[in-house]
Amino acid sequence: MEVGGKLAVNRLLLSAALFEIRCPFAYTNGNGDYAVDGEQRNCGLELMAGGYVV
């Protein structure tokens, strides 16, 4: 899931995005076996600015 936006001001490009990624939590247990247990959730905010500042 992601939501964001972009804004261009003269020669400057600004963007921002909020995101959340959910996937099964996988690992190797003590016996060396591959196991899946629970859910991994990554949430964040991404900001970017590019262009020329005059």
PDB file of N, CA and C in Angstrom:
ATOM      1  N   MET A   1       0.862  -1.152   0.000  1.00  0.00           N
ATOM      2  CA  MET A   1       0.000   0.000   0.000  1.00  0.00           C
ATOM      3  C   MET A   1       0.916   1.224   0.000  1.00  0.00           C
ATOM      4  N   GLU A   2       0.620   2.184  -0.851  1.00  0.00           N
ATOM      5  CA  GLU A   2       1.435   3.400  -0.926  1.00  0.00           C
ATOM      6  C   GLU A   2       0.568   4.557  -1.389  1.00  0.00           C
ATOM      7  N   VAL A   3       0.837   5.715  -0.820  1.00  0.00           N
ATOM      8  CA  VAL A   3       0.166   6.942  -1.240  1.00  0.00           C
ATOM      9  C   VAL A   3       1.214   8.048  -1.265  1.00  0.00           C
ATOM     10  N   GLY A   4       1.127   8.911  -2.263  1.00  0.00           N
ATOM     11  CA  GLY A   4       2.139   9.956  -2.363  1.00  0.00           C
ATOM     12  C   GLY A   4       1.733  11.028  -3.347  1.00  0.00           C
ATOM     13  N   GLY A   5       2.639  11.984  -3.509  1.00  0.00           N
ATOM     14  CA  GLY A   5       2.379  13.072  -4.433  1.00  0.00           C
ATOM     15  C   GLY A   5       3.664  13.722  -4.896  1.00  0.00           C
ATOM     16  N   LYS A   6       3.550  14.459  -5.994  1.00  0.00           N
ATOM     17  CA  LYS A   6       4.695  15.178  -6.556  1.00  0.00           C
ATOM     18  C   LYS A   6       4.281  16.611  -6.827  1.00  0.00           C
ATOM     19  N   LEU A   7       5.248  17.510  -6.703  1.00  0.00           N
ATOM     20  CA  LEU A   7       5.008  18.927  -6.946  1.00  0.00           C
ATOM     21  C   LEU A   7       6.216  19.505  -7.670  1.00  0.00           C
ATOM     22  N   ALA A   8       5.955  20.165  -8.783  1.00  0.00           N
ATOM     23  CA  ALA A   8       7.025  20.828  -9.538  1.00  0.00           C
ATOM     24  C   ALA A   8       6.877  22.330  -9.364  1.00  0.00           C
ATOM     25  N   VAL A   9       7.948  22.968  -8.878  1.00  0.00           N
ATOM     26  CA  VAL A   9       7.977  24.412  -8.678  1.00  0.00           C
ATOM     27  C   VAL A   9       9.186  24.937  -9.439  1.00  0.00           C
ATOM     28  N   ASN A  10       8.938  25.648 -10.537  1.00  0.00           N
ATOM     29  CA  ASN A  10      10.005  26.109 -11.421  1.00  0.00           C
ATOM     30  C   ASN A  10      10.903  24.940 -11.800  1.00  0.00           C
ATOM     31  N   ARG A  11      12.161  24.935 -11.379  1.00  0.00           N
ATOM     32  CA  ARG A  11      13.087  23.851 -11.708  1.00  0.00           C
ATOM     33  C   ARG A  11      13.296  22.883 -10.542  1.00  0.00           C
ATOM     34  N   LEU A  12      12.408  22.892  -9.575  1.00  0.00           N
ATOM     35  CA  LEU A  12      12.523  22.049  -8.394  1.00  0.00           C
ATOM     36  C   LEU A  12      11.387  21.020  -8.382  1.00  0.00           C
ATOM     37  N   LEU A  13      11.728  19.755  -8.211  1.00  0.00           N
ATOM     38  CA  LEU A  13      10.734  18.687  -8.125  1.00  0.00           C
ATOM     39  C   LEU A  13      10.744  18.136  -6.701  1.00  0.00           C
ATOM     40  N   LEU A  14       9.601  18.154  -6.042  1.00  0.00           N
ATOM     41  CA  LEU A  14       9.447  17.628  -4.681  1.00  0.00           C
ATOM     42  C   LEU A  14       8.488  16.448  -4.723  1.00  0.00           C
ATOM     43  N   SER A  15       8.795  15.397  -3.980  1.00  0.00           N
ATOM     44  CA  SER A  15       7.874  14.269  -3.894  1.00  0.00           C
ATOM     45  C   SER A  15       7.895  13.697  -2.482  1.00  0.00           C
ATOM     46  N   ALA A  16       6.770  13.112  -2.099  1.00  0.00           N
ATOM     47  CA  ALA A  16       6.627  12.494  -0.781  1.00  0.00           C
ATOM     48  C   ALA A  16       5.733  11.271  -0.926  1.00  0.00           C
ATOM     49  N   ALA A  17       6.018  10.237  -0.154  1.00  0.00           N
ATOM     50  CA  ALA A  17       5.217   9.020  -0.190  1.00  0.00           C
ATOM     51  C   ALA A  17       5.205   8.366   1.185  1.00  0.00           C
ATOM     52  N   LEU A  18       4.051   7.869   1.580  1.00  0.00           N
ATOM     53  CA  LEU A  18       3.888   7.045   2.773  1.00  0.00           C
ATOM     54  C   LEU A  18       3.635   5.629   2.288  1.00  0.00           C
ATOM     55  N   PHE A  19       4.263   4.633   2.929  1.00  0.00           N
ATOM     56  CA  PHE A  19       4.058   3.267   2.470  1.00  0.00           C
ATOM     57  C   PHE A  19       3.989   2.288   3.629  1.00  0.00           C
ATOM     58  N   GLU A  20       3.360   1.143   3.352  1.00  0.00           N
ATOM     59  CA  GLU A  20       3.309   0.024   4.285  1.00  0.00           C
ATOM     60  C   GLU A  20       3.393  -1.255   3.453  1.00  0.00           C
ATOM     61  N   ILE A  21       4.350  -2.121   3.799  1.00  0.00           N
ATOM     62  CA  ILE A  21       4.547  -3.389   3.113  1.00  0.00           C
ATOM     63  C   ILE A  21       4.336  -4.497   4.139  1.00  0.00           C
ATOM     64  N   ARG A  22       3.491  -5.460   3.813  1.00  0.00           N
ATOM     65  CA  ARG A  22       3.250  -6.613   4.694  1.00  0.00           C
ATOM     66  C   ARG A  22       3.575  -7.882   3.930  1.00  0.00           C
ATOM     67  N   CYS A  23       4.321  -8.777   4.575  1.00  0.00           N
ATOM     68  CA  CYS A  23       4.648 -10.070   3.968  1.00  0.00           C
ATOM     69  C   CYS A  23       4.891 -11.078   5.082  1.00  0.00           C
ATOM     70  N   PRO A  24       4.810 -12.375   4.763  1.00  0.00           N
ATOM     71  CA  PRO A  24       5.073 -13.394   5.784  1.00  0.00           C
ATOM     72  C   PRO A  24       6.498 -13.272   6.325  1.00  0.00           C
ATOM     73  N   PHE A  25       6.665 -13.518   7.625  1.00  0.00           N
ATOM     74  CA  PHE A  25       7.984 -13.481   8.249  1.00  0.00           C
ATOM     75  C   PHE A  25       8.618 -14.854   8.113  1.00  0.00           C
ATOM     76  N   ALA A  26       9.724 -14.944   7.373  1.00  0.00           N
ATOM     77  CA  ALA A  26      10.391 -16.224   7.117  1.00  0.00           C
ATOM     78  C   ALA A  26      11.789 -16.203   7.734  1.00  0.00           C
ATOM     79  N   TYR A  27      12.236 -17.351   8.197  1.00  0.00           N
ATOM     80  CA  TYR A  27      13.553 -17.455   8.829  1.00  0.00           C
ATOM     81  C   TYR A  27      14.030 -18.908   8.790  1.00  0.00           C
ATOM     82  N   THR A  28      15.263 -19.134   9.167  1.00  0.00           N
ATOM     83  CA  THR A  28      15.809 -20.487   9.316  1.00  0.00           C
ATOM     84  C   THR A  28      15.863 -20.791  10.804  1.00  0.00           C
ATOM     85  N   ASN A  29      15.205 -21.881  11.218  1.00  0.00           N
ATOM     86  CA  ASN A  29      15.159 -22.198  12.650  1.00  0.00           C
ATOM     87  C   ASN A  29      16.436 -22.909  13.099  1.00  0.00           C
ATOM     88  N   GLY A  30      16.494 -23.324  14.351  1.00  0.00           N
ATOM     89  CA  GLY A  30      17.689 -23.939  14.928  1.00  0.00           C
ATOM     90  C   GLY A  30      18.106 -25.240  14.258  1.00  0.00           C
ATOM     91  N   ASN A  31      17.162 -25.945  13.626  1.00  0.00           N
ATOM     92  CA  ASN A  31      17.464 -27.197  12.926  1.00  0.00           C
ATOM     93  C   ASN A  31      17.942 -26.956  11.504  1.00  0.00           C
ATOM     94  N   GLY A  32      17.978 -25.707  11.080  1.00  0.00           N
ATOM     95  CA  GLY A  32      18.371 -25.382   9.717  1.00  0.00           C
ATOM     96  C   GLY A  32      17.224 -25.457   8.729  1.00  0.00           C
ATOM     97  N   ASP A  33      16.009 -25.630   9.241  1.00  0.00           N
ATOM     98  CA  ASP A  33      14.831 -25.702   8.379  1.00  0.00           C
ATOM     99  C   ASP A  33      14.260 -24.314   8.132  1.00  0.00           C
ATOM    100  N   TYR A  34      13.759 -24.117   6.946  1.00  0.00           N
ATOM    101  CA  TYR A  34      13.089 -22.865   6.577  1.00  0.00           C
ATOM    102  C   TYR A  34      11.707 -22.857   7.208  1.00  0.00           C
ATOM    103  N   ALA A  35      11.344 -21.772   7.874  1.00  0.00           N
ATOM    104  CA  ALA A  35      10.051 -21.680   8.548  1.00  0.00           C
ATOM    105  C   ALA A  35       9.420 -20.315   8.305  1.00  0.00           C
ATOM    106  N   VAL A  36       8.100 -20.297   8.345  1.00  0.00           N
ATOM    107  CA  VAL A  36       7.337 -19.051   8.227  1.00  0.00           C
ATOM    108  C   VAL A  36       6.482 -18.938   9.472  1.00  0.00           C
ATOM    109  N   ASP A  37       6.590 -17.795  10.162  1.00  0.00           N
ATOM    110  CA  ASP A  37       5.834 -17.598  11.395  1.00  0.00           C
ATOM    111  C   ASP A  37       5.525 -16.120  11.549  1.00  0.00           C
ATOM    112  N   GLY A  38       4.278 -15.759  11.473  1.00  0.00           N
ATOM    113  CA  GLY A  38       3.884 -14.372  11.677  1.00  0.00           C
ATOM    114  C   GLY A  38       3.970 -13.539  10.414  1.00  0.00           C
ATOM    115  N   GLU A  39       4.011 -12.242  10.627  1.00  0.00           N
ATOM    116  CA  GLU A  39       3.992 -11.296   9.516  1.00  0.00           C
ATOM    117  C   GLU A  39       5.025 -10.205   9.757  1.00  0.00           C
ATOM    118  N   GLN A  40       5.739  -9.842   8.722  1.00  0.00           N
ATOM    119  CA  GLN A  40       6.683  -8.728   8.779  1.00  0.00           C
ATOM    120  C   GLN A  40       5.991  -7.510   8.207  1.00  0.00           C
ATOM    121  N   ARG A  41       6.100  -6.382   8.889  1.00  0.00           N
ATOM    122  CA  ARG A  41       5.457  -5.148   8.434  1.00  0.00           C
ATOM    123  C   ARG A  41       6.493  -4.038   8.409  1.00  0.00           C
ATOM    124  N   ASN A  42       6.646  -3.403   7.255  1.00  0.00           N
ATOM    125  CA  ASN A  42       7.563  -2.274   7.098  1.00  0.00           C
ATOM    126  C   ASN A  42       6.746  -1.049   6.733  1.00  0.00           C
ATOM    127  N   CYS A  43       6.891   0.006   7.526  1.00  0.00           N
ATOM    128  CA  CYS A  43       6.177   1.261   7.276  1.00  0.00           C
ATOM    129  C   CYS A  43       7.215   2.368   7.134  1.00  0.00           C
ATOM    130  N   GLY A  44       6.902   3.361   6.320  1.00  0.00           N
ATOM    131  CA  GLY A  44       7.870   4.435   6.189  1.00  0.00           C
ATOM    132  C   GLY A  44       7.357   5.645   5.441  1.00  0.00           C
ATOM    133  N   LEU A  45       8.227   6.624   5.387  1.00  0.00           N
ATOM    134  CA  LEU A  45       7.995   7.884   4.697  1.00  0.00           C
ATOM    135  C   LEU A  45       9.199   8.133   3.815  1.00  0.00           C
ATOM    136  N   GLU A  46       8.955   8.448   2.561  1.00  0.00           N
ATOM    137  CA  GLU A  46      10.044   8.736   1.625  1.00  0.00           C
ATOM    138  C   GLU A  46       9.872  10.164   1.121  1.00  0.00           C
ATOM    139  N   LEU A  47      10.924  10.960   1.232  1.00  0.00           N
ATOM    140  CA  LEU A  47      10.929  12.342   0.753  1.00  0.00           C
ATOM    141  C   LEU A  47      12.047  12.511  -0.265  1.00  0.00           C
ATOM    142  N   MET A  48      11.791  13.289  -1.317  1.00  0.00           N
ATOM    143  CA  MET A  48      12.793  13.508  -2.342  1.00  0.00           C
ATOM    144  C   MET A  48      12.670  14.927  -2.870  1.00  0.00           C
ATOM    145  N   ALA A  49      13.812  15.549  -3.109  1.00  0.00           N
ATOM    146  CA  ALA A  49      13.868  16.860  -3.740  1.00  0.00           C
ATOM    147  C   ALA A  49      14.967  16.815  -4.792  1.00  0.00           C
ATOM    148  N   GLY A  50      14.693  17.351  -5.958  1.00  0.00           N
ATOM    149  CA  GLY A  50      15.687  17.357  -7.012  1.00  0.00           C
ATOM    150  C   GLY A  50      15.497  18.553  -7.913  1.00  0.00           C
ATOM    151  N   GLY A  51      16.558  18.921  -8.582  1.00  0.00           N
ATOM    152  CA  GLY A  51      16.482  20.042  -9.507  1.00  0.00           C
ATOM    153  C   GLY A  51      17.499  21.102  -9.166  1.00  0.00           C
ATOM    154  N   TYR A  52      17.169  22.323  -9.519  1.00  0.00           N
ATOM    155  CA  TYR A  52      18.058  23.457  -9.313  1.00  0.00           C
ATOM    156  C   TYR A  52      17.428  24.435  -8.330  1.00  0.00           C
ATOM    157  N   VAL A  53      18.155  24.792  -7.288  1.00  0.00           N
ATOM    158  CA  VAL A  53      17.698  25.808  -6.348  1.00  0.00           C
ATOM    159  C   VAL A  53      18.466  27.076  -6.676  1.00  0.00           C
ATOM    160  N   VAL A  54      17.744  28.109  -7.042  1.00  0.00           N
ATOM    161  CA  VAL A  54      18.394  29.360  -7.460  1.00  0.00           C
ATOM    162  C   VAL A  54      18.181  30.428  -6.424  1.00  0.00           C
TER     163      VAL A  54
END
